[in-house]
PDB file of all heavy atoms in Angstrom:
ATOM      1  N   THR A   1       5.729-109.465 -85.668  1.00  0.00           N
ATOM      2  CA  THR A   1       6.845-110.248 -86.158  1.00  0.00           C
ATOM      3  C   THR A   1       6.436-111.696 -86.584  1.00  0.00           C
ATOM      4  O   THR A   1       7.243-112.419 -87.130  1.00  0.00           O
ATOM      5  CB  THR A   1       7.967-110.322 -85.170  1.00  0.00           C
ATOM      6  OG1 THR A   1       7.492-110.890 -83.951  1.00  0.00           O
ATOM      7  CG2 THR A   1       8.525-108.966 -84.852  1.00  0.00           C
ATOM      8  N   SER A   2       5.217-112.126 -86.351  1.00  0.00           N
ATOM      9  CA  SER A   2       4.716-113.365 -86.780  1.00  0.00           C
ATOM     10  C   SER A   2       3.275-113.264 -87.153  1.00  0.00           C
ATOM     11  O   SER A   2       2.592-112.214 -86.930  1.00  0.00           O
ATOM     12  CB  SER A   2       4.864-114.446 -85.717  1.00  0.00           C
ATOM     13  OG  SER A   2       3.907-114.403 -84.756  1.00  0.00           O
ATOM     14  N   THR A   3       2.703-114.329 -87.760  1.00  0.00           N
ATOM     15  CA  THR A   3       1.320-114.365 -88.218  1.00  0.00           C
ATOM     16  C   THR A   3       0.364-114.835 -87.133  1.00  0.00           C
ATOM     17  O   THR A   3      -0.829-115.009 -87.390  1.00  0.00           O
ATOM     18  CB  THR A   3       1.152-115.167 -89.463  1.00  0.00           C
ATOM     19  OG1 THR A   3       1.648-116.540 -89.152  1.00  0.00           O
ATOM     20  CG2 THR A   3       1.986-114.629 -90.661  1.00  0.00           C
ATOM     21  N   THR A   4       0.854-114.986 -85.921  1.00  0.00           N
ATOM     22  CA  THR A   4       0.023-115.397 -84.794  1.00  0.00           C
ATOM     23  C   THR A   4      -1.128-114.438 -84.646  1.00  0.00           C
ATOM     24  O   THR A   4      -0.953-113.199 -84.633  1.00  0.00           O
ATOM     25  CB  THR A   4       0.799-115.391 -83.510  1.00  0.00           C
ATOM     26  OG1 THR A   4       1.960-116.284 -83.659  1.00  0.00           O
ATOM     27  CG2 THR A   4       0.012-115.849 -82.334  1.00  0.00           C
ATOM     28  N   ALA A   5      -2.302-114.952 -84.527  1.00  0.00           N
ATOM     29  CA  ALA A   5      -3.531-114.130 -84.312  1.00  0.00           C
ATOM     30  C   ALA A   5      -3.413-113.381 -83.008  1.00  0.00           C
ATOM     31  O   ALA A   5      -3.186-113.981 -81.954  1.00  0.00           O
ATOM     32  CB  ALA A   5      -4.812-114.976 -84.348  1.00  0.00           C
ATOM     33  N   SER A   6      -3.505-112.018 -83.109  1.00  0.00           N
ATOM     34  CA  SER A   6      -3.295-111.216 -81.939  1.00  0.00           C
ATOM     35  C   SER A   6      -4.242-109.979 -81.985  1.00  0.00           C
ATOM     36  O   SER A   6      -4.817-109.720 -83.067  1.00  0.00           O
ATOM     37  CB  SER A   6      -1.877-110.711 -81.812  1.00  0.00           C
ATOM     38  OG  SER A   6      -0.947-111.764 -81.829  1.00  0.00           O
ATOM     39  N   ILE A   7      -4.359-109.304 -80.864  1.00  0.00           N
ATOM     40  CA  ILE A   7      -5.000-108.024 -80.881  1.00  0.00           C
ATOM     41  C   ILE A   7      -4.051-107.043 -80.128  1.00  0.00           C
ATOM     42  O   ILE A   7      -3.567-107.300 -79.048  1.00  0.00           O
ATOM     43  CB  ILE A   7      -6.383-108.032 -80.146  1.00  0.00           C
ATOM     44  CG1 ILE A   7      -7.406-108.909 -80.943  1.00  0.00           C
ATOM     45  CG2 ILE A   7      -6.898-106.647 -79.984  1.00  0.00           C
ATOM     46  CD1 ILE A   7      -8.736-109.069 -80.276  1.00  0.00           C
ATOM     47  N   TYR A   8      -3.792-105.896 -80.786  1.00  0.00           N
ATOM     48  CA  TYR A   8      -2.966-104.847 -80.186  1.00  0.00           C
ATOM     49  C   TYR A   8      -3.796-103.610 -80.027  1.00  0.00           C
ATOM     50  O   TYR A   8      -4.609-103.283 -80.877  1.00  0.00           O
ATOM     51  CB  TYR A   8      -1.742-104.462 -81.119  1.00  0.00           C
ATOM     52  CG  TYR A   8      -0.762-105.625 -81.280  1.00  0.00           C
ATOM     53  CD1 TYR A   8      -0.870-106.527 -82.299  1.00  0.00           C
ATOM     54  CD2 TYR A   8       0.307-105.727 -80.388  1.00  0.00           C
ATOM     55  CE1 TYR A   8       0.050-107.535 -82.447  1.00  0.00           C
ATOM     56  CE2 TYR A   8       1.276-106.719 -80.491  1.00  0.00           C
ATOM     57  CZ  TYR A   8       1.080-107.660 -81.560  1.00  0.00           C
ATOM     58  OH  TYR A   8       2.067-108.606 -81.769  1.00  0.00           O
ATOM     59  N   LYS A   9      -3.609-102.960 -78.904  1.00  0.00           N
ATOM     60  CA  LYS A   9      -4.345-101.739 -78.543  1.00  0.00           C
ATOM     61  C   LYS A   9      -3.397-100.536 -78.429  1.00  0.00           C
ATOM     62  O   LYS A   9      -2.364-100.701 -77.818  1.00  0.00           O
ATOM     63  CB  LYS A   9      -5.170-101.979 -77.265  1.00  0.00           C
ATOM     64  CG  LYS A   9      -5.930-100.740 -76.784  1.00  0.00           C
ATOM     65  CD  LYS A   9      -6.675-101.059 -75.484  1.00  0.00           C
ATOM     66  CE  LYS A   9      -7.391 -99.872 -74.915  1.00  0.00           C
ATOM     67  NZ  LYS A   9      -8.075-100.205 -73.628  1.00  0.00           N
ATOM     68  N   VAL A  10      -3.840 -99.432 -78.947  1.00  0.00           N
ATOM     69  CA  VAL A  10      -2.997 -98.184 -78.873  1.00  0.00           C
ATOM     70  C   VAL A  10      -3.799 -97.033 -78.445  1.00  0.00           C
ATOM     71  O   VAL A  10      -4.978 -96.884 -78.844  1.00  0.00           O
ATOM     72  CB  VAL A  10      -2.354 -97.914 -80.234  1.00  0.00           C
ATOM     73  CG1 VAL A  10      -1.567 -96.570 -80.191  1.00  0.00           C
ATOM     74  CG2 VAL A  10      -1.396 -98.998 -80.665  1.00  0.00           C
ATOM     75  N   ARG A  11      -3.277 -96.212 -77.597  1.00  0.00           N
ATOM     76  CA  ARG A  11      -3.791 -94.875 -77.187  1.00  0.00           C
ATOM     77  C   ARG A  11      -2.742 -93.865 -77.342  1.00  0.00           C
ATOM     78  O   ARG A  11      -1.614 -94.035 -77.019  1.00  0.00           O
ATOM     79  CB  ARG A  11      -4.313 -94.933 -75.747  1.00  0.00           C
ATOM     80  CG  ARG A  11      -4.652 -93.612 -75.232  1.00  0.00           C
ATOM     81  CD  ARG A  11      -4.930 -93.646 -73.676  1.00  0.00           C
ATOM     82  NE  ARG A  11      -5.123 -92.241 -73.227  1.00  0.00           N
ATOM     83  CZ  ARG A  11      -4.537 -91.769 -72.096  1.00  0.00           C
ATOM     84  NH1 ARG A  11      -3.714 -92.624 -71.398  1.00  0.00           N
ATOM     85  NH2 ARG A  11      -4.716 -90.586 -71.720  1.00  0.00           N
ATOM     86  N   MET A  12      -3.117 -92.728 -77.893  1.00  0.00           N
ATOM     87  CA  MET A  12      -2.252 -91.514 -77.882  1.00  0.00           C
ATOM     88  C   MET A  12      -2.690 -90.638 -76.765  1.00  0.00           C
ATOM     89  O   MET A  12      -3.861 -90.151 -76.735  1.00  0.00           O
ATOM     90  CB  MET A  12      -2.246 -90.770 -79.233  1.00  0.00           C
ATOM     91  CG  MET A  12      -1.124 -89.730 -79.364  1.00  0.00           C
ATOM     92  SD  MET A  12      -1.300 -88.156 -78.487  1.00  0.00           S
ATOM     93  CE  MET A  12      -2.370 -87.273 -79.522  1.00  0.00           C
ATOM     94  N   ALA A  13      -1.860 -90.417 -75.764  1.00  0.00           N
ATOM     95  CA  ALA A  13      -2.150 -89.612 -74.616  1.00  0.00           C
ATOM     96  C   ALA A  13      -1.664 -88.137 -74.838  1.00  0.00           C
ATOM     97  O   ALA A  13      -0.407 -87.902 -74.853  1.00  0.00           O
ATOM     98  CB  ALA A  13      -1.593 -90.098 -73.332  1.00  0.00           C
ATOM     99  N   ASN A  14      -2.533 -87.199 -75.020  1.00  0.00           N
ATOM    100  CA  ASN A  14      -2.096 -85.813 -75.369  1.00  0.00           C
ATOM    101  C   ASN A  14      -1.858 -85.027 -74.092  1.00  0.00           C
ATOM    102  O   ASN A  14      -2.418 -83.946 -73.843  1.00  0.00           O
ATOM    103  CB  ASN A  14      -3.224 -85.135 -76.161  1.00  0.00           C
ATOM    104  CG  ASN A  14      -2.811 -83.765 -76.712  1.00  0.00           C
ATOM    105  OD1 ASN A  14      -1.603 -83.576 -77.004  1.00  0.00           O
ATOM    106  ND2 ASN A  14      -3.717 -82.827 -76.900  1.00  0.00           N
ATOM    107  N   VAL A  15      -0.993 -85.579 -73.240  1.00  0.00           N
ATOM    108  CA  VAL A  15      -0.721 -84.920 -71.951  1.00  0.00           C
ATOM    109  C   VAL A  15       0.799 -85.214 -71.622  1.00  0.00           C
ATOM    110  O   VAL A  15       1.448 -86.008 -72.245  1.00  0.00           O
ATOM    111  CB  VAL A  15      -1.542 -85.485 -70.792  1.00  0.00           C
ATOM    112  CG1 VAL A  15      -3.023 -85.078 -70.991  1.00  0.00           C
ATOM    113  CG2 VAL A  15      -1.424 -86.974 -70.649  1.00  0.00           C
ATOM    114  N   ASP A  16       1.271 -84.515 -70.650  1.00  0.00           N
ATOM    115  CA  ASP A  16       2.586 -84.804 -70.061  1.00  0.00           C
ATOM    116  C   ASP A  16       2.508 -86.164 -69.367  1.00  0.00           C
ATOM    117  O   ASP A  16       1.603 -86.383 -68.524  1.00  0.00           O
ATOM    118  CB  ASP A  16       2.977 -83.719 -69.034  1.00  0.00           C
ATOM    119  CG  ASP A  16       4.370 -83.888 -68.505  1.00  0.00           C
ATOM    120  OD1 ASP A  16       4.899 -84.989 -68.314  1.00  0.00           O
ATOM    121  OD2 ASP A  16       4.999 -82.813 -68.229  1.00  0.00           O
ATOM    122  N   ALA A  17       3.393 -87.092 -69.643  1.00  0.00           N
ATOM    123  CA  ALA A  17       3.356 -88.368 -69.079  1.00  0.00           C
ATOM    124  C   ALA A  17       3.390 -88.367 -67.503  1.00  0.00           C
ATOM    125  O   ALA A  17       2.821 -89.210 -66.886  1.00  0.00           O
ATOM    126  CB  ALA A  17       4.562 -89.258 -69.627  1.00  0.00           C
ATOM    127  N   SER A  18       4.026 -87.298 -66.966  1.00  0.00           N
ATOM    128  CA  SER A  18       4.058 -87.235 -65.499  1.00  0.00           C
ATOM    129  C   SER A  18       2.717 -87.075 -64.881  1.00  0.00           C
ATOM    130  O   SER A  18       2.452 -87.577 -63.746  1.00  0.00           O
ATOM    131  CB  SER A  18       4.947 -86.032 -65.131  1.00  0.00           C
ATOM    132  OG  SER A  18       6.336 -86.225 -65.531  1.00  0.00           O
ATOM    133  N   SER A  19       1.757 -86.478 -65.636  1.00  0.00           N
ATOM    134  CA  SER A  19       0.431 -86.266 -65.106  1.00  0.00           C
ATOM    135  C   SER A  19      -0.341 -87.584 -64.906  1.00  0.00           C
ATOM    136  O   SER A  19      -1.363 -87.588 -64.180  1.00  0.00           O
ATOM    137  CB  SER A  19      -0.336 -85.242 -65.957  1.00  0.00           C
ATOM    138  OG  SER A  19      -0.654 -85.872 -67.232  1.00  0.00           O
ATOM    139  N   GLU A  20       0.157 -88.676 -65.590  1.00  0.00           N
ATOM    140  CA  GLU A  20      -0.546 -89.950 -65.442  1.00  0.00           C
ATOM    141  C   GLU A  20       0.315 -90.918 -64.627  1.00  0.00           C
ATOM    142  O   GLU A  20       0.071 -92.119 -64.697  1.00  0.00           O
ATOM    143  CB  GLU A  20      -0.896 -90.453 -66.827  1.00  0.00           C
ATOM    144  CG  GLU A  20      -1.931 -89.617 -67.532  1.00  0.00           C
ATOM    145  CD  GLU A  20      -2.540 -90.265 -68.803  1.00  0.00           C
ATOM    146  OE1 GLU A  20      -2.175 -91.420 -69.058  1.00  0.00           O
ATOM    147  OE2 GLU A  20      -3.306 -89.638 -69.471  1.00  0.00           O
ATOM    148  N   GLY A  21       1.317 -90.421 -63.962  1.00  0.00           N
ATOM    149  CA  GLY A  21       2.124 -91.235 -63.021  1.00  0.00           C
ATOM    150  C   GLY A  21       3.358 -91.809 -63.607  1.00  0.00           C
ATOM    151  O   GLY A  21       4.072 -92.548 -62.944  1.00  0.00           O
ATOM    152  N   TYR A  22       3.806 -91.326 -64.839  1.00  0.00           N
ATOM    153  CA  TYR A  22       5.008 -91.784 -65.417  1.00  0.00           C
ATOM    154  C   TYR A  22       5.988 -90.617 -65.433  1.00  0.00           C
ATOM    155  O   TYR A  22       6.236 -89.943 -66.416  1.00  0.00           O
ATOM    156  CB  TYR A  22       4.732 -92.251 -66.873  1.00  0.00           C
ATOM    157  CG  TYR A  22       3.530 -93.187 -66.965  1.00  0.00           C
ATOM    158  CD1 TYR A  22       2.409 -92.802 -67.751  1.00  0.00           C
ATOM    159  CD2 TYR A  22       3.477 -94.394 -66.376  1.00  0.00           C
ATOM    160  CE1 TYR A  22       1.318 -93.590 -67.843  1.00  0.00           C
ATOM    161  CE2 TYR A  22       2.361 -95.262 -66.423  1.00  0.00           C
ATOM    162  CZ  TYR A  22       1.270 -94.846 -67.219  1.00  0.00           C
ATOM    163  OH  TYR A  22       0.161 -95.641 -67.307  1.00  0.00           O
ATOM    164  N   ASN A  23       6.610 -90.410 -64.260  1.00  0.00           N
ATOM    165  CA  ASN A  23       7.419 -89.209 -64.028  1.00  0.00           C
ATOM    166  C   ASN A  23       8.567 -89.114 -64.989  1.00  0.00           C
ATOM    167  O   ASN A  23       9.510 -89.858 -65.040  1.00  0.00           O
ATOM    168  CB  ASN A  23       8.001 -89.358 -62.586  1.00  0.00           C
ATOM    169  CG  ASN A  23       8.640 -88.023 -62.065  1.00  0.00           C
ATOM    170  OD1 ASN A  23       9.025 -87.162 -62.872  1.00  0.00           O
ATOM    171  ND2 ASN A  23       8.680 -87.895 -60.779  1.00  0.00           N
ATOM    172  N   ARG A  24       8.541 -88.039 -65.772  1.00  0.00           N
ATOM    173  CA  ARG A  24       9.575 -87.868 -66.787  1.00  0.00           C
ATOM    174  C   ARG A  24      10.965 -87.527 -66.205  1.00  0.00           C
ATOM    175  O   ARG A  24      11.946 -87.640 -66.847  1.00  0.00           O
ATOM    176  CB  ARG A  24       9.146 -86.711 -67.749  1.00  0.00           C
ATOM    177  CG  ARG A  24       8.038 -87.039 -68.659  1.00  0.00           C
ATOM    178  CD  ARG A  24       7.734 -86.008 -69.665  1.00  0.00           C
ATOM    179  NE  ARG A  24       7.547 -84.710 -69.163  1.00  0.00           N
ATOM    180  CZ  ARG A  24       8.420 -83.694 -69.155  1.00  0.00           C
ATOM    181  NH1 ARG A  24       9.590 -83.853 -69.751  1.00  0.00           N
ATOM    182  NH2 ARG A  24       8.125 -82.503 -68.577  1.00  0.00           N
ATOM    183  N   ASN A  25      11.012 -87.108 -64.982  1.00  0.00           N
ATOM    184  CA  ASN A  25      12.293 -86.812 -64.307  1.00  0.00           C
ATOM    185  C   ASN A  25      12.931 -88.091 -63.885  1.00  0.00           C
ATOM    186  O   ASN A  25      14.172 -88.057 -63.530  1.00  0.00           O
ATOM    187  CB  ASN A  25      12.031 -85.901 -63.092  1.00  0.00           C
ATOM    188  CG  ASN A  25      11.513 -84.513 -63.497  1.00  0.00           C
ATOM    189  OD1 ASN A  25      11.993 -83.951 -64.478  1.00  0.00           O
ATOM    190  ND2 ASN A  25      10.600 -83.996 -62.753  1.00  0.00           N
ATOM    191  N   ASN A  26      12.209 -89.218 -63.766  1.00  0.00           N
ATOM    192  CA  ASN A  26      12.912 -90.481 -63.479  1.00  0.00           C
ATOM    193  C   ASN A  26      13.283 -91.117 -64.758  1.00  0.00           C
ATOM    194  O   ASN A  26      12.537 -91.794 -65.411  1.00  0.00           O
ATOM    195  CB  ASN A  26      11.892 -91.410 -62.759  1.00  0.00           C
ATOM    196  CG  ASN A  26      11.562 -90.844 -61.322  1.00  0.00           C
ATOM    197  OD1 ASN A  26      12.218 -89.931 -60.816  1.00  0.00           O
ATOM    198  ND2 ASN A  26      10.449 -91.337 -60.765  1.00  0.00           N
ATOM    199  N   LYS A  27      14.569 -90.911 -65.145  1.00  0.00           N
ATOM    200  CA  LYS A  27      15.002 -91.373 -66.396  1.00  0.00           C
ATOM    201  C   LYS A  27      16.469 -91.906 -66.355  1.00  0.00           C
ATOM    202  O   LYS A  27      17.237 -91.526 -65.468  1.00  0.00           O
ATOM    203  CB  LYS A  27      14.940 -90.328 -67.443  1.00  0.00           C
ATOM    204  CG  LYS A  27      15.667 -89.033 -67.117  1.00  0.00           C
ATOM    205  CD  LYS A  27      15.410 -87.871 -68.039  1.00  0.00           C
ATOM    206  CE  LYS A  27      16.223 -86.601 -67.778  1.00  0.00           C
ATOM    207  NZ  LYS A  27      15.894 -86.004 -66.539  1.00  0.00           N
ATOM    208  N   ALA A  28      16.823 -92.826 -67.251  1.00  0.00           N
ATOM    209  CA  ALA A  28      18.197 -93.337 -67.277  1.00  0.00           C
ATOM    210  C   ALA A  28      19.149 -92.276 -67.622  1.00  0.00           C
ATOM    211  O   ALA A  28      18.769 -91.220 -68.194  1.00  0.00           O
ATOM    212  CB  ALA A  28      18.217 -94.471 -68.284  1.00  0.00           C
ATOM    213  N   SER A  29      20.428 -92.508 -67.337  1.00  0.00           N
ATOM    214  CA  SER A  29      21.450 -91.446 -67.475  1.00  0.00           C
ATOM    215  C   SER A  29      21.684 -91.103 -68.951  1.00  0.00           C
ATOM    216  O   SER A  29      22.157 -89.981 -69.199  1.00  0.00           O
ATOM    217  CB  SER A  29      22.778 -91.903 -66.842  1.00  0.00           C
ATOM    218  OG  SER A  29      23.234 -93.125 -67.543  1.00  0.00           O
ATOM    219  N   ASP A  30      21.329 -91.959 -69.857  1.00  0.00           N
ATOM    220  CA  ASP A  30      21.522 -91.642 -71.305  1.00  0.00           C
ATOM    221  C   ASP A  30      20.391 -90.857 -71.876  1.00  0.00           C
ATOM    222  O   ASP A  30      20.385 -90.554 -73.086  1.00  0.00           O
ATOM    223  CB  ASP A  30      21.776 -92.845 -72.057  1.00  0.00           C
ATOM    224  CG  ASP A  30      20.698 -93.861 -72.074  1.00  0.00           C
ATOM    225  OD1 ASP A  30      19.901 -93.817 -71.115  1.00  0.00           O
ATOM    226  OD2 ASP A  30      20.593 -94.702 -73.021  1.00  0.00           O
ATOM    227  N   ILE A  31      19.339 -90.518 -71.045  1.00  0.00           N
ATOM    228  CA  ILE A  31      18.221 -89.757 -71.543  1.00  0.00           C
ATOM    229  C   ILE A  31      18.305 -88.337 -70.941  1.00  0.00           C
ATOM    230  O   ILE A  31      18.346 -88.177 -69.788  1.00  0.00           O
ATOM    231  CB  ILE A  31      16.866 -90.432 -71.138  1.00  0.00           C
ATOM    232  CG1 ILE A  31      16.760 -91.782 -71.809  1.00  0.00           C
ATOM    233  CG2 ILE A  31      15.676 -89.489 -71.472  1.00  0.00           C
ATOM    234  CD1 ILE A  31      15.531 -92.500 -71.428  1.00  0.00           C
ATOM    235  N   CYS A  32      18.266 -87.372 -71.801  1.00  0.00           N
ATOM    236  CA  CYS A  32      18.206 -85.984 -71.383  1.00  0.00           C
ATOM    237  C   CYS A  32      16.808 -85.507 -71.142  1.00  0.00           C
ATOM    238  O   CYS A  32      16.543 -84.848 -70.147  1.00  0.00           O
ATOM    239  CB  CYS A  32      18.873 -85.083 -72.457  1.00  0.00           C
ATOM    240  SG  CYS A  32      18.506 -83.364 -72.314  1.00  0.00           S
ATOM    241  N   GLU A  33      15.872 -85.901 -72.062  1.00  0.00           N
ATOM    242  CA  GLU A  33      14.482 -85.429 -71.945  1.00  0.00           C
ATOM    243  C   GLU A  33      13.546 -86.447 -72.517  1.00  0.00           C
ATOM    244  O   GLU A  33      13.856 -87.079 -73.491  1.00  0.00           O
ATOM    245  CB  GLU A  33      14.347 -84.075 -72.633  1.00  0.00           C
ATOM    246  CG  GLU A  33      12.920 -83.408 -72.563  1.00  0.00           C
ATOM    247  CD  GLU A  33      12.774 -82.129 -73.301  1.00  0.00           C
ATOM    248  OE1 GLU A  33      13.742 -81.824 -74.067  1.00  0.00           O
ATOM    249  OE2 GLU A  33      11.720 -81.554 -73.130  1.00  0.00           O
ATOM    250  N   VAL A  34      12.398 -86.586 -71.894  1.00  0.00           N
ATOM    251  CA  VAL A  34      11.287 -87.367 -72.361  1.00  0.00           C
ATOM    252  C   VAL A  34      10.244 -86.386 -72.846  1.00  0.00           C
ATOM    253  O   VAL A  34       9.903 -85.385 -72.216  1.00  0.00           O
ATOM    254  CB  VAL A  34      10.666 -88.249 -71.242  1.00  0.00           C
ATOM    255  CG1 VAL A  34       9.504 -89.031 -71.705  1.00  0.00           C
ATOM    256  CG2 VAL A  34      11.767 -89.192 -70.682  1.00  0.00           C
ATOM    257  N   ASN A  35       9.703 -86.658 -74.014  1.00  0.00           N
ATOM    258  CA  ASN A  35       8.645 -85.791 -74.660  1.00  0.00           C
ATOM    259  C   ASN A  35       7.599 -85.352 -73.677  1.00  0.00           C
ATOM    260  O   ASN A  35       6.871 -86.152 -73.166  1.00  0.00           O
ATOM    261  CB  ASN A  35       8.031 -86.492 -75.808  1.00  0.00           C
ATOM    262  CG  ASN A  35       7.125 -85.617 -76.638  1.00  0.00           C
ATOM    263  OD1 ASN A  35       6.978 -84.409 -76.393  1.00  0.00           O
ATOM    264  ND2 ASN A  35       6.417 -86.271 -77.560  1.00  0.00           N
ATOM    265  N   PRO A  36       7.474 -84.007 -73.413  1.00  0.00           N
ATOM    266  CA  PRO A  36       6.461 -83.540 -72.445  1.00  0.00           C
ATOM    267  C   PRO A  36       5.063 -83.392 -73.065  1.00  0.00           C
ATOM    268  O   PRO A  36       4.146 -83.180 -72.329  1.00  0.00           O
ATOM    269  CB  PRO A  36       7.082 -82.179 -72.015  1.00  0.00           C
ATOM    270  CG  PRO A  36       7.803 -81.709 -73.177  1.00  0.00           C
ATOM    271  CD  PRO A  36       8.352 -82.946 -73.917  1.00  0.00           C
ATOM    272  N   SER A  37       4.970 -83.438 -74.412  1.00  0.00           N
ATOM    273  CA  SER A  37       3.719 -83.088 -75.049  1.00  0.00           C
ATOM    274  C   SER A  37       2.785 -84.213 -75.201  1.00  0.00           C
ATOM    275  O   SER A  37       1.535 -84.053 -75.081  1.00  0.00           O
ATOM    276  CB  SER A  37       3.990 -82.558 -76.487  1.00  0.00           C
ATOM    277  OG  SER A  37       4.839 -81.375 -76.373  1.00  0.00           O
ATOM    278  N   PHE A  38       3.246 -85.448 -75.481  1.00  0.00           N
ATOM    279  CA  PHE A  38       2.314 -86.561 -75.673  1.00  0.00           C
ATOM    280  C   PHE A  38       3.181 -87.872 -75.527  1.00  0.00           C
ATOM    281  O   PHE A  38       4.393 -87.873 -75.613  1.00  0.00           O
ATOM    282  CB  PHE A  38       1.650 -86.483 -77.017  1.00  0.00           C
ATOM    283  CG  PHE A  38       2.524 -86.653 -78.211  1.00  0.00           C
ATOM    284  CD1 PHE A  38       2.842 -87.901 -78.796  1.00  0.00           C
ATOM    285  CD2 PHE A  38       3.140 -85.537 -78.768  1.00  0.00           C
ATOM    286  CE1 PHE A  38       3.646 -88.050 -79.820  1.00  0.00           C
ATOM    287  CE2 PHE A  38       3.974 -85.667 -79.833  1.00  0.00           C
ATOM    288  CZ  PHE A  38       4.267 -86.959 -80.403  1.00  0.00           C
ATOM    289  N   PHE A  39       2.425 -88.929 -75.349  1.00  0.00           N
ATOM    290  CA  PHE A  39       3.077 -90.235 -75.369  1.00  0.00           C
ATOM    291  C   PHE A  39       1.965 -91.290 -75.785  1.00  0.00           C
ATOM    292  O   PHE A  39       0.838 -90.883 -75.949  1.00  0.00           O
ATOM    293  CB  PHE A  39       3.625 -90.627 -73.976  1.00  0.00           C
ATOM    294  CG  PHE A  39       2.648 -90.850 -72.931  1.00  0.00           C
ATOM    295  CD1 PHE A  39       2.246 -92.105 -72.511  1.00  0.00           C
ATOM    296  CD2 PHE A  39       2.116 -89.715 -72.271  1.00  0.00           C
ATOM    297  CE1 PHE A  39       1.371 -92.326 -71.483  1.00  0.00           C
ATOM    298  CE2 PHE A  39       1.155 -89.925 -71.246  1.00  0.00           C
ATOM    299  CZ  PHE A  39       0.785 -91.227 -70.860  1.00  0.00           C
ATOM    300  N   HIS A  40       2.481 -92.506 -76.132  1.00  0.00           N
ATOM    301  CA  HIS A  40       1.522 -93.532 -76.546  1.00  0.00           C
ATOM    302  C   HIS A  40       1.483 -94.699 -75.497  1.00  0.00           C
ATOM    303  O   HIS A  40       2.530 -94.904 -74.781  1.00  0.00           O
ATOM    304  CB  HIS A  40       1.940 -94.148 -77.900  1.00  0.00           C
ATOM    305  CG  HIS A  40       1.775 -93.208 -79.030  1.00  0.00           C
ATOM    306  ND1 HIS A  40       2.651 -92.187 -79.305  1.00  0.00           N
ATOM    307  CD2 HIS A  40       0.824 -93.133 -80.001  1.00  0.00           C
ATOM    308  CE1 HIS A  40       2.240 -91.511 -80.406  1.00  0.00           C
ATOM    309  NE2 HIS A  40       1.156 -92.112 -80.818  1.00  0.00           N
ATOM    310  N   ILE A  41       0.425 -95.313 -75.415  1.00  0.00           N
ATOM    311  CA  ILE A  41       0.290 -96.560 -74.648  1.00  0.00           C
ATOM    312  C   ILE A  41      -0.051 -97.712 -75.515  1.00  0.00           C
ATOM    313  O   ILE A  41      -1.032 -97.642 -76.311  1.00  0.00           O
ATOM    314  CB  ILE A  41      -0.610 -96.457 -73.471  1.00  0.00           C
ATOM    315  CG1 ILE A  41      -0.158 -95.480 -72.377  1.00  0.00           C
ATOM    316  CG2 ILE A  41      -0.913 -97.806 -72.768  1.00  0.00           C
ATOM    317  CD1 ILE A  41      -0.980 -95.305 -71.149  1.00  0.00           C
ATOM    318  N   MET A  42       0.771 -98.816 -75.575  1.00  0.00           N
ATOM    319  CA  MET A  42       0.530 -99.899 -76.429  1.00  0.00           C
ATOM    320  C   MET A  42       0.434-101.160 -75.596  1.00  0.00           C
ATOM    321  O   MET A  42       1.137-101.296 -74.607  1.00  0.00           O
ATOM    322  CB  MET A  42       1.608-100.033 -77.502  1.00  0.00           C
ATOM    323  CG  MET A  42       1.791 -98.826 -78.377  1.00  0.00           C
ATOM    324  SD  MET A  42       3.021 -99.099 -79.697  1.00  0.00           S
ATOM    325  CE  MET A  42       3.027 -97.520 -80.465  1.00  0.00           C
ATOM    326  N   GLN A  43      -0.355-102.122 -76.097  1.00  0.00           N
ATOM    327  CA  GLN A  43      -0.440-103.411 -75.396  1.00  0.00           C
ATOM    328  C   GLN A  43      -1.010-104.454 -76.332  1.00  0.00           C
ATOM    329  O   GLN A  43      -1.903-104.200 -77.106  1.00  0.00           O
ATOM    330  CB  GLN A  43      -1.297-103.341 -74.152  1.00  0.00           C
ATOM    331  CG  GLN A  43      -1.372-104.619 -73.371  1.00  0.00           C
ATOM    332  CD  GLN A  43      -2.223-104.532 -72.098  1.00  0.00           C
ATOM    333  OE1 GLN A  43      -2.868-103.552 -71.840  1.00  0.00           O
ATOM    334  NE2 GLN A  43      -2.139-105.559 -71.292  1.00  0.00           N
ATOM    335  N   GLN A  44      -0.395-105.697 -76.264  1.00  0.00           N
ATOM    336  CA  GLN A  44      -1.019-106.812 -76.977  1.00  0.00           C
ATOM    337  C   GLN A  44      -2.052-107.362 -75.968  1.00  0.00           C
ATOM    338  O   GLN A  44      -1.647-107.885 -74.861  1.00  0.00           O
ATOM    339  CB  GLN A  44       0.014-107.876 -77.261  1.00  0.00           C
ATOM    340  CG  GLN A  44      -0.580-109.117 -77.985  1.00  0.00           C
ATOM    341  CD  GLN A  44       0.377-110.209 -78.247  1.00  0.00           C
ATOM    342  OE1 GLN A  44       1.612-110.040 -78.074  1.00  0.00           O
ATOM    343  NE2 GLN A  44      -0.058-111.347 -78.612  1.00  0.00           N
ATOM    344  N   THR A  45      -3.279-107.247 -76.284  1.00  0.00           N
ATOM    345  CA  THR A  45      -4.349-107.605 -75.321  1.00  0.00           C
ATOM    346  C   THR A  45      -4.917-108.994 -75.569  1.00  0.00           C
ATOM    347  O   THR A  45      -5.695-109.490 -74.714  1.00  0.00           O
ATOM    348  CB  THR A  45      -5.551-106.620 -75.431  1.00  0.00           C
ATOM    349  OG1 THR A  45      -6.011-106.628 -76.778  1.00  0.00           O
ATOM    350  CG2 THR A  45      -5.104-105.177 -75.088  1.00  0.00           C
TER     351      THR A  45
END
C-alpha cells in the first residue's frame, strides 16, 4: 500500500493446515469450513 522498501515472503503449504498446528476445527462462528487442501503463509520480513 506504499512505496516503502520492504521484503515479503510467501509459502504455499500443500497440506491440511491442522497438520502444521493450525487446527481447522478452531474457527469463528461465521466460518463453516477452512480449506483442507492447502494454505499460504505470508510475512513482511
